[in-house]
Amino acid sequence: MRGVNEGKSTLYVWHSLAKPRIIPLAAQNARFVRASKFRSDENATLYVVAVSEPDHAIEIVRGKVADFSDDVEDLGRVSRALVRALDLAPGNFIRIDHRYKVSA
């Protein structure tokens, strides 16, 4: 008896086994945001914020976690693949720094 995927490429088999999660279009990209006491602060806190607009990402970090005196700045766009890997819903954020550990 032949297997269901016999004769198919490895890429096809892996693709068919994967169950991709649907990410809403609003979460296509995210922003990388830094909150620090000053620009060259080695203890800055980094966040991935699941919104596409830089000002909105800064507003979320300022309103939720940054101190009033913190310098909060947008460092650039984060790919949809990373948003998916971090399992971020639109408008949510996650802290990324040297203490962040990925569970296996």
Protein backbone atom coordinates (compact mmCIF):
# COMPACT_ATOMS: atom_id res chain seq x y z
CA MET A 1 0.00 0.00 0.00
CA ARG A 2 1.40 3.36 -0.97
CA GLY A 3 1.56 6.23 1.54
CA VAL A 4 -0.66 9.26 1.08
CA ASN A 5 2.31 11.56 0.44
CA GLU A 6 4.49 9.10 -1.45
CA GLY A 7 6.01 10.69 -4.52
CA LYS A 8 5.43 14.22 -3.19
CA SER A 9 8.25 16.61 -2.44
CA THR A 10 9.45 17.03 1.15
CA LEU A 11 8.33 20.67 1.02
CA TYR A 12 4.81 19.58 0.08
CA VAL A 13 4.71 17.05 2.94
CA TRP A 14 5.87 19.61 5.52
CA HIS A 15 3.50 22.24 4.18
CA SER A 16 0.56 19.85 4.32
CA LEU A 17 1.41 18.82 7.91
CA ALA A 18 1.61 22.40 9.15
CA LYS A 19 -1.53 24.00 10.49
CA PRO A 20 -0.80 27.70 10.00
CA ARG A 21 -2.56 30.10 12.32
CA ILE A 22 -4.47 32.85 10.55
CA ILE A 23 -3.05 36.25 11.48
CA PRO A 24 -5.43 39.17 10.90
CA LEU A 25 -4.34 41.66 8.27
CA ALA A 26 -4.00 44.33 10.97
CA ALA A 27 -1.15 42.29 12.44
CA GLN A 28 0.86 41.97 9.24
CA ASN A 29 3.76 43.80 10.77
CA ALA A 30 4.75 44.96 14.20
CA ARG A 31 7.13 47.55 15.61
CA PHE A 32 10.32 47.18 17.62
CA VAL A 33 10.24 49.73 20.47
CA ARG A 34 12.87 50.66 23.06
CA ALA A 35 12.18 52.27 26.44
CA SER A 36 15.22 53.67 28.25
CA LYS A 37 16.29 56.31 30.73
CA PHE A 38 18.55 57.89 28.09
CA ARG A 39 19.56 57.09 24.48
CA SER A 40 22.67 54.99 25.20
CA ASP A 41 21.19 53.22 28.25
CA GLU A 42 22.60 49.67 28.38
CA ASN A 43 19.61 48.62 30.50
CA ALA A 44 17.01 49.66 27.94
CA THR A 45 13.93 47.49 27.66
CA LEU A 46 12.91 46.28 24.22
CA TYR A 47 9.41 45.38 23.09
CA VAL A 48 7.76 43.92 20.01
CA VAL A 49 4.39 45.65 19.64
CA ALA A 50 1.82 44.13 17.27
CA VAL A 51 0.72 47.31 15.52
CA SER A 52 1.95 48.68 12.21
CA GLU A 53 2.09 52.41 13.03
CA PRO A 54 5.20 53.65 14.91
CA ASP A 55 3.30 56.33 16.87
CA HIS A 56 0.70 53.83 18.00
CA ALA A 57 3.40 51.39 19.18
CA ILE A 58 5.11 54.13 21.19
CA GLU A 59 1.77 55.16 22.68
CA ILE A 60 1.08 51.57 23.81
CA VAL A 61 4.49 51.19 25.50
CA ARG A 62 4.24 54.64 27.13
CA GLY A 63 0.74 53.96 28.42
CA LYS A 64 1.28 50.42 29.68
CA VAL A 65 4.86 49.91 30.89
CA ALA A 66 7.22 52.86 30.48
CA ASP A 67 7.95 55.34 33.24
CA PHE A 68 6.91 58.93 32.65
CA SER A 69 10.55 60.02 32.27
CA ASP A 70 11.56 57.16 29.92
CA ASP A 71 12.73 57.86 26.40
CA VAL A 72 10.51 55.64 24.22
CA GLU A 73 11.43 55.27 20.56
CA ASP A 74 10.46 53.20 17.59
CA LEU A 75 13.40 51.23 16.17
CA GLY A 76 11.69 49.85 13.09
CA ARG A 77 9.40 47.26 11.60
CA VAL A 78 9.18 43.64 12.73
CA SER A 79 8.19 40.96 10.23
CA ARG A 80 4.90 39.12 10.19
CA ALA A 81 6.85 35.87 10.70
CA LEU A 82 8.15 37.11 14.06
CA VAL A 83 4.67 38.28 15.10
CA ARG A 84 3.42 34.77 14.29
CA ALA A 85 6.33 33.10 16.13
CA LEU A 86 5.68 35.21 19.23
CA ASP A 87 1.94 34.52 18.92
CA LEU A 88 1.06 38.20 19.34
CA ALA A 89 -2.51 39.33 18.82
CA PRO A 90 -3.09 42.80 17.30
CA GLY A 91 -2.37 45.53 19.85
CA ASN A 92 -0.46 43.24 22.22
CA PHE A 93 3.24 43.44 23.00
CA ILE A 94 6.00 41.34 24.48
CA ARG A 95 9.19 42.31 26.29
CA ILE A 96 12.37 41.15 24.53
CA ASP A 97 15.69 41.45 26.36
CA HIS A 98 18.56 39.41 27.74
CA ARG A 99 16.19 37.78 30.25
CA TYR A 100 13.79 36.57 27.55
CA LYS A 101 13.92 32.78 27.19
CA VAL A 102 12.27 30.75 24.49
CA SER A 103 10.83 27.52 25.81
CA ALA A 104 11.56 24.43 23.75
